[in-house]
Amino acid sequence: TLLTCSGHMRPVVDLALSGTIHRTQPHYGYFLISACKDNKPMLHQGDTGDWIGTFLGAPLNKDDTKAATAAADFRAKVWEAVSGDELMTLTVDFTQDSHYWLTMGQDKLLRMYDLNKPEAEPKEMSGHTPGIQKTLWCSEDKQILSADDKTVRRWDHATMTEVKSLNFNMSVSSMEYIPEGEISVVTYVRSIVFHTAVSLDPLKPFEAPATINSSSLHPEKEFLVAGSEDFKLYKYDHNSREELESYKGHFGPIHYVRFSPVGELCACGSEDGTLRLWQTLVGKPYGLEISAKPKIGFPETTEEELEDIASENSDCICSSTPDVKA
């Protein structure tokens, strides 16, 4: 069962789902924020895909009070998540307590900002030779993981020094950190590899039939999904590494995939400019009231039927939105 969120005008290159139910706005549930090449990050209600607002000018912090965006104009901004008010601009990942955040880019530097001291100069960490593609806090914010084209590095937060690095023979396309078990999931070309976040030792490799841009492990660690260049979302059993299913709904390469906080759905962002929400357990009510539509399981559904469902849902979930703040 597929929900489609339209509204972006260009490829969706990044997304983030909040980790908890919103504390100050409980009727919103949890949030989904998406970043696009149209320069307009969008905030959605996580379980339905409903559009809440667009930031003019992306991850969310733990309690969903702030959002962060970074752009090709070499600026990073912090926003109030619900009202859309811009809080500050800095010359992108929050710690759990929201006191610090990281920025990275083509200048090959990691910068750590203290949000309680916005006027202070950031602390810098150098060592990457290509531009940095991804950075994550780990180990209760005591460590930092970063990735460039062919290297993953681990840094110590207290000393701001590099602790260990791991080299790959191909470009790293994505990285996810799993707090339970201290695991990092790294993708490159057709490989999906689990590593211990502390030692960076490899644990479990997966091989996909197509180039993988992003992968995500289900919160219960029973299976993982991977978004690919061939427009498909692949599902694998975590223990056996067996491919369980593959789904097609997008009309372009899938750039980013992430599970919701409790894993009832998976969100995908694609080159086709849409966000799509895939239901993990078919038949369980969630999101919009779609009971009038037949529940169709993935394995028995043809690609043509999925495309019809996507087209049908796209008209009623998140229509194109005006250029206004959240």
Protein backbone atom coordinates (compact mmCIF):
# COMPACT_ATOMS: atom_id res chain seq x y z
CA THR A 1 0.00 0.00 0.00
CA LEU A 2 1.65 3.18 -1.22
CA LEU A 3 1.16 6.85 -0.39
CA THR A 4 2.71 9.48 -2.66
CA CYS A 5 3.70 13.00 -1.57
CA SER A 6 4.02 15.49 -4.41
CA GLY A 7 4.94 19.15 -4.19
CA HIS A 8 8.65 19.21 -4.98
CA MET A 9 9.53 20.36 -8.47
CA ARG A 10 12.97 18.72 -8.79
CA PRO A 11 14.80 15.59 -7.49
CA VAL A 12 14.46 14.78 -3.78
CA VAL A 13 18.02 14.17 -2.54
CA ASP A 14 17.63 13.78 1.22
CA LEU A 15 15.02 13.18 3.92
CA ALA A 16 14.77 12.61 7.67
CA LEU A 17 12.08 11.21 9.96
CA SER A 18 11.89 12.37 13.56
CA GLY A 19 12.65 9.76 16.17
CA THR A 20 9.80 10.48 18.58
CA ILE A 21 6.22 11.69 18.75
CA HIS A 22 6.20 15.49 18.82
CA ARG A 23 6.03 16.63 22.44
CA THR A 24 4.59 20.12 22.03
CA GLN A 25 2.35 19.32 19.04
CA PRO A 26 1.18 15.71 19.72
CA HIS A 27 -1.54 15.86 17.06
CA TYR A 28 1.23 15.98 14.46
CA GLY A 29 2.57 12.56 15.51
CA TYR A 30 6.07 12.53 14.02
CA PHE A 31 7.56 14.60 11.22
CA LEU A 32 9.15 13.95 7.84
CA ILE A 33 11.37 16.61 6.31
CA SER A 34 12.56 16.42 2.70
CA ALA A 35 15.29 18.28 0.83
CA CYS A 36 15.12 18.95 -2.89
CA LYS A 37 17.08 20.62 -5.66
CA ASP A 38 14.28 23.20 -5.86
CA ASN A 39 15.88 24.83 -2.75
CA LYS A 40 12.64 24.48 -0.72
CA PRO A 41 12.74 21.91 2.11
CA MET A 42 9.26 20.62 2.95
CA LEU A 43 7.83 19.46 6.27
CA HIS A 44 5.26 16.64 6.24
CA GLN A 45 3.24 14.74 8.80
CA GLY A 46 5.19 11.50 9.03
CA ASP A 47 2.44 8.89 9.03
CA THR A 48 0.27 10.40 6.28
CA GLY A 49 2.67 12.47 4.18
CA ASP A 50 0.39 15.51 4.58
CA TRP A 51 2.15 18.78 3.81
CA ILE A 52 2.64 21.02 6.86
CA GLY A 53 4.81 23.75 5.38
CA THR A 54 7.74 24.77 3.21
CA PHE A 55 10.90 26.46 4.46
CA LEU A 56 12.00 29.30 2.18
CA GLY A 57 15.49 30.22 1.97
CA ALA A 58 17.52 18.35 6.42
CA PRO A 59 17.43 16.82 9.56
CA LEU A 60 15.22 17.37 12.64
CA ASN A 61 16.48 17.41 16.20
CA LYS A 62 15.33 14.79 18.70
CA ASP A 63 12.24 16.57 20.05
CA ASP A 64 11.27 18.10 16.68
CA THR A 65 11.58 21.71 17.81
CA LYS A 66 14.25 22.62 15.26
CA ALA A 67 15.12 21.77 11.66
CA ALA A 68 18.44 22.25 9.88
CA THR A 69 19.15 22.82 6.21
CA ALA A 70 22.32 23.21 4.18
CA ALA A 71 22.67 24.38 0.59
CA ALA A 72 25.02 24.88 -2.31
CA ASP A 73 25.24 28.59 -1.42
CA PHE A 74 27.60 27.48 1.42
CA ARG A 75 25.11 28.48 4.11
CA ALA A 76 23.41 26.40 6.78
CA LYS A 77 20.23 27.52 8.53
CA VAL A 78 18.37 26.51 11.70
CA TRP A 79 14.56 26.81 11.70
CA GLU A 80 11.74 26.53 14.24
CA ALA A 81 10.21 23.29 12.99
CA VAL A 82 6.48 24.06 13.24
CA SER A 83 6.24 27.83 12.68
CA GLY A 84 8.94 27.91 9.99
CA ASP A 85 10.70 30.90 11.57
CA GLU A 86 14.40 31.15 10.75
CA LEU A 87 16.39 31.08 14.00
CA MET A 88 19.93 31.50 12.71
CA THR A 89 22.16 31.25 9.66
CA LEU A 90 25.60 29.64 9.88
CA THR A 91 28.64 30.45 7.36
CA VAL A 92 24.07 18.75 9.05
CA ASP A 93 23.34 16.62 12.22
CA PHE A 94 22.02 17.49 15.73
CA THR A 95 23.27 15.93 18.94
CA GLN A 96 20.64 14.18 21.07
CA ASP A 97 20.48 17.15 23.48
CA SER A 98 20.36 19.63 20.54
CA HIS A 99 23.31 21.60 21.94
CA TYR A 100 25.63 20.93 18.99
CA TRP A 101 25.34 20.32 15.32
CA LEU A 102 27.74 19.39 12.51
CA THR A 103 28.16 20.75 9.01
CA MET A 104 30.32 19.36 6.24
CA GLY A 105 30.94 20.05 2.57
CA GLN A 106 33.28 20.35 -0.36
CA ASP A 107 35.85 22.31 1.65
CA LYS A 108 36.80 18.95 3.29
CA LEU A 109 36.22 20.23 6.84
CA LEU A 110 33.87 19.10 9.59
CA ARG A 111 32.59 22.03 11.64
CA MET A 112 30.91 21.72 15.03
CA TYR A 113 28.68 24.56 16.19
CA ASP A 114 27.49 25.25 19.74
CA LEU A 115 23.84 26.31 19.36
CA ASN A 116 23.95 27.91 22.81
CA LYS A 117 26.73 30.20 21.55
CA PRO A 118 25.74 31.12 17.98
CA GLU A 119 28.26 33.97 17.92
CA ALA A 120 31.20 31.65 18.67
CA GLU A 121 33.47 30.33 15.92
CA PRO A 122 32.92 26.64 15.10
CA LYS A 123 35.45 23.97 15.98
CA GLU A 124 36.97 22.34 12.91
CA MET A 125 38.18 18.84 12.12
CA SER A 126 40.34 18.19 9.06
CA GLY A 127 41.60 14.99 7.47
CA HIS A 128 39.30 14.20 4.57
CA THR A 129 40.82 14.78 1.16
CA PRO A 130 37.67 14.76 -1.05
CA GLY A 131 34.56 16.70 -0.09
CA ILE A 132 32.61 15.19 2.82
CA GLN A 133 29.32 13.53 1.85
CA LYS A 134 27.82 12.49 5.20
CA THR A 135 28.33 12.99 8.93
CA LEU A 136 26.58 11.41 11.94
CA TRP A 137 26.77 11.57 15.72
CA CYS A 138 27.18 8.18 17.42
CA SER A 139 27.95 6.53 20.78
CA GLU A 140 25.69 8.93 22.73
CA ASP A 141 27.27 11.90 20.93
CA LYS A 142 30.75 10.99 22.15
CA GLN A 143 31.90 10.00 18.66
CA ILE A 144 31.36 11.31 15.11
CA LEU A 145 31.24 9.32 11.87
CA SER A 146 31.95 11.00 8.54
CA ALA A 147 32.25 9.76 4.98
CA ASP A 148 33.77 11.11 1.79
CA ASP A 149 34.02 9.41 -1.60
CA LYS A 150 35.98 6.35 -0.47
CA THR A 151 36.67 6.75 3.26
CA VAL A 152 34.69 6.51 6.51
CA ARG A 153 36.30 8.16 9.53
CA ARG A 154 35.54 8.11 13.24
CA TRP A 155 36.29 11.18 15.39
CA ASP A 156 36.35 11.77 19.14
CA HIS A 157 34.00 14.57 20.19
CA ALA A 158 36.01 15.62 23.26
CA THR A 159 39.44 15.84 21.62
CA MET A 160 38.22 16.70 18.08
CA THR A 161 40.73 14.21 16.68
CA GLU A 162 40.45 11.32 14.23
CA VAL A 163 40.40 7.92 15.94
CA LYS A 164 40.16 5.52 13.01
CA SER A 165 39.49 5.41 9.28
CA LEU A 166 38.16 2.76 6.91
CA ASN A 167 38.99 2.78 3.20
CA PHE A 168 36.78 1.51 0.38
CA ASN A 169 37.72 0.82 -3.20
CA MET A 170 34.57 2.55 -4.48
CA SER A 171 32.59 5.67 -3.59
CA VAL A 172 30.45 5.54 -0.45
CA SER A 173 26.87 6.51 -1.30
CA SER A 174 25.22 6.53 2.16
CA MET A 175 25.69 5.80 5.85
CA GLU A 176 23.19 5.12 8.66
CA TYR A 177 23.89 4.79 12.39
CA ILE A 178 21.89 2.35 14.56
CA PRO A 179 22.23 3.24 18.29
CA GLU A 180 21.01 -0.18 19.49
CA GLY A 181 24.09 -2.30 19.03
CA GLU A 182 26.33 0.54 17.85
CA ILE A 183 26.07 -0.40 14.16
CA SER A 184 26.71 1.63 11.04
CA VAL A 185 25.26 0.67 7.66
CA VAL A 186 27.39 1.73 4.70
CA THR A 187 26.45 1.44 1.03
CA TYR A 188 28.73 1.65 -1.99
CA VAL A 189 28.00 0.56 -5.57
CA ARG A 190 25.97 -2.69 -5.13
CA SER A 191 27.19 -3.45 -1.61
CA ILE A 192 25.45 -2.89 1.72
CA VAL A 193 27.84 -3.54 4.62
CA PHE A 194 27.22 -3.49 8.38
CA HIS A 195 30.08 -2.26 10.57
CA THR A 196 30.59 -1.79 14.29
CA ALA A 197 30.37 1.97 14.80
CA VAL A 198 33.25 1.99 17.29
CA SER A 199 35.85 -0.25 15.64
CA LEU A 200 34.48 0.03 12.05
CA ASP A 201 35.00 -3.73 11.70
CA PRO A 202 32.76 -5.27 8.98
CA LEU A 203 29.93 -7.48 10.27
CA LYS A 204 27.63 -8.47 7.45
CA PRO A 205 27.71 -7.76 3.69
CA PHE A 206 24.78 -7.74 1.28
CA GLU A 207 25.01 -7.67 -2.50
CA ALA A 208 22.21 -6.06 -4.52
CA PRO A 209 21.42 -6.51 -8.24
CA ALA A 210 21.72 -2.76 -8.90
CA THR A 211 23.69 0.26 -7.67
CA ILE A 212 22.43 1.22 -4.20
CA ASN A 213 22.14 4.89 -3.19
CA SER A 214 20.78 4.45 0.34
CA SER A 215 19.69 1.75 2.80
CA SER A 216 17.92 1.60 6.16
CA LEU A 217 17.56 -1.10 8.83
CA HIS A 218 14.10 -1.69 10.33
CA PRO A 219 13.93 -0.72 14.05
CA GLU A 220 13.29 -4.35 15.03
CA LYS A 221 16.29 -5.42 12.90
CA GLU A 222 14.33 -8.11 11.08
CA PHE A 223 14.94 -6.71 7.60
CA LEU A 224 16.43 -3.78 5.72
CA VAL A 225 15.47 -1.86 2.60
CA ALA A 226 17.69 -0.36 -0.09
CA GLY A 227 16.90 2.29 -2.70
CA SER A 228 18.56 1.78 -6.07
CA GLU A 229 19.42 3.35 -9.38
CA ASP A 230 16.99 1.01 -11.18
CA PHE A 231 14.00 2.82 -9.54
CA LYS A 232 13.32 -0.10 -7.17
CA LEU A 233 13.17 -0.53 -3.40
CA TYR A 234 14.75 -3.85 -2.36
CA LYS A 235 13.89 -5.66 0.88
CA TYR A 236 16.33 -8.11 2.54
CA ASP A 237 16.12 -10.43 5.52
CA HIS A 238 18.62 -9.12 8.07
CA ASN A 239 19.81 -12.53 9.25
CA SER A 240 19.81 -14.67 6.10
CA ARG A 241 20.69 -11.77 3.72
CA GLU A 242 18.10 -13.20 1.35
CA GLU A 243 16.25 -10.81 -0.95
CA LEU A 244 12.59 -10.98 0.12
CA GLU A 245 10.88 -8.59 -2.29
CA SER A 246 11.44 -5.63 -4.58
CA TYR A 247 8.94 -2.84 -5.17
CA LYS A 248 8.65 -0.32 -7.96
CA GLY A 249 6.68 2.91 -7.68
CA HIS A 250 9.16 5.66 -8.47
CA PHE A 251 9.95 6.84 -11.98
CA GLY A 252 13.58 7.68 -11.27
CA PRO A 253 16.51 6.52 -9.12
CA ILE A 254 15.80 6.38 -5.38
CA HIS A 255 18.22 8.69 -3.57
CA TYR A 256 17.28 8.20 0.08
CA VAL A 257 15.32 5.74 2.26
CA ARG A 258 14.51 5.76 5.99
CA PHE A 259 12.09 3.94 8.33
CA SER A 260 9.64 5.76 10.59
CA PRO A 261 10.29 5.69 14.38
CA VAL A 262 8.50 2.38 15.03
CA GLY A 263 8.97 1.01 11.52
CA GLU A 264 5.37 0.93 10.27
CA LEU A 265 6.39 2.65 7.05
CA CYS A 266 9.45 3.43 4.94
CA ALA A 267 9.93 6.82 3.25
CA CYS A 268 11.75 7.16 -0.10
CA GLY A 269 12.93 10.25 -1.96
CA SER A 270 13.59 10.03 -5.68
CA GLU A 271 14.94 11.73 -8.78
CA ASP A 272 11.30 11.91 -9.95
CA GLY A 273 10.63 14.69 -7.40
CA THR A 274 8.31 12.70 -5.12
CA LEU A 275 8.34 11.21 -1.65
CA ARG A 276 6.68 7.81 -1.36
CA LEU A 277 5.61 6.09 1.85
CA TRP A 278 5.58 2.30 1.75
CA GLN A 279 3.57 0.37 4.34
CA THR A 280 5.59 -2.27 6.21
CA LEU A 281 2.66 -4.39 7.35
CA VAL A 282 0.05 -4.54 4.59
CA GLY A 283 -3.52 -4.25 5.87
CA LYS A 284 -2.72 -2.35 9.07
CA PRO A 285 -4.60 1.00 9.13
CA TYR A 286 -2.30 4.02 8.97
CA GLY A 287 -2.11 7.43 7.42
CA LEU A 288 -5.09 8.57 5.41
CA GLU A 289 -8.40 6.75 5.55
CA ILE A 290 -7.85 4.53 2.51
CA SER A 291 -10.17 1.71 3.55
CA ALA A 292 -12.36 2.39 0.51
CA LYS A 293 -9.47 1.31 -1.68
CA PRO A 294 -8.52 -2.38 -1.89
CA LYS A 295 -5.51 -3.44 0.15
CA ILE A 296 -2.97 -4.81 -2.30
CA GLY A 297 0.09 -6.73 -1.12
CA PHE A 298 3.43 -6.04 -2.79
CA PRO A 299 4.31 -9.55 -3.96
CA GLU A 300 1.10 -10.01 -5.98
CA THR A 301 0.93 -6.44 -7.32
CA THR A 302 2.18 -5.69 -10.81
CA GLU A 303 4.34 -2.66 -11.54
CA GLU A 304 1.51 -1.18 -13.63
CA GLU A 305 -0.91 -1.49 -10.69
CA LEU A 306 1.56 0.17 -8.34
CA GLU A 307 2.00 3.05 -10.78
CA ASP A 308 -1.80 3.46 -10.93
CA ILE A 309 -1.97 3.49 -7.12
CA ALA A 310 0.82 6.07 -6.95
CA SER A 311 -0.95 8.29 -9.48
CA GLU A 312 -4.28 7.95 -7.67
CA ASN A 313 -2.83 8.74 -4.24
CA SER A 314 -0.69 11.62 -5.43
CA ASP A 315 -3.79 13.71 -6.10
CA CYS A 316 -5.16 13.42 -2.58
CA ILE A 317 -2.20 13.43 -0.24
CA CYS A 318 0.21 16.31 -0.75
CA SER A 319 -0.70 18.56 -3.62
CA SER A 320 1.62 21.19 -5.01
CA THR A 321 2.06 23.89 -2.39
CA PRO A 322 2.40 27.66 -2.49
CA ASP A 323 5.65 29.35 -1.56
CA VAL A 324 4.86 30.03 2.09
CA LYS A 325 6.62 29.28 5.32
CA ALA A 326 5.55 26.45 7.57
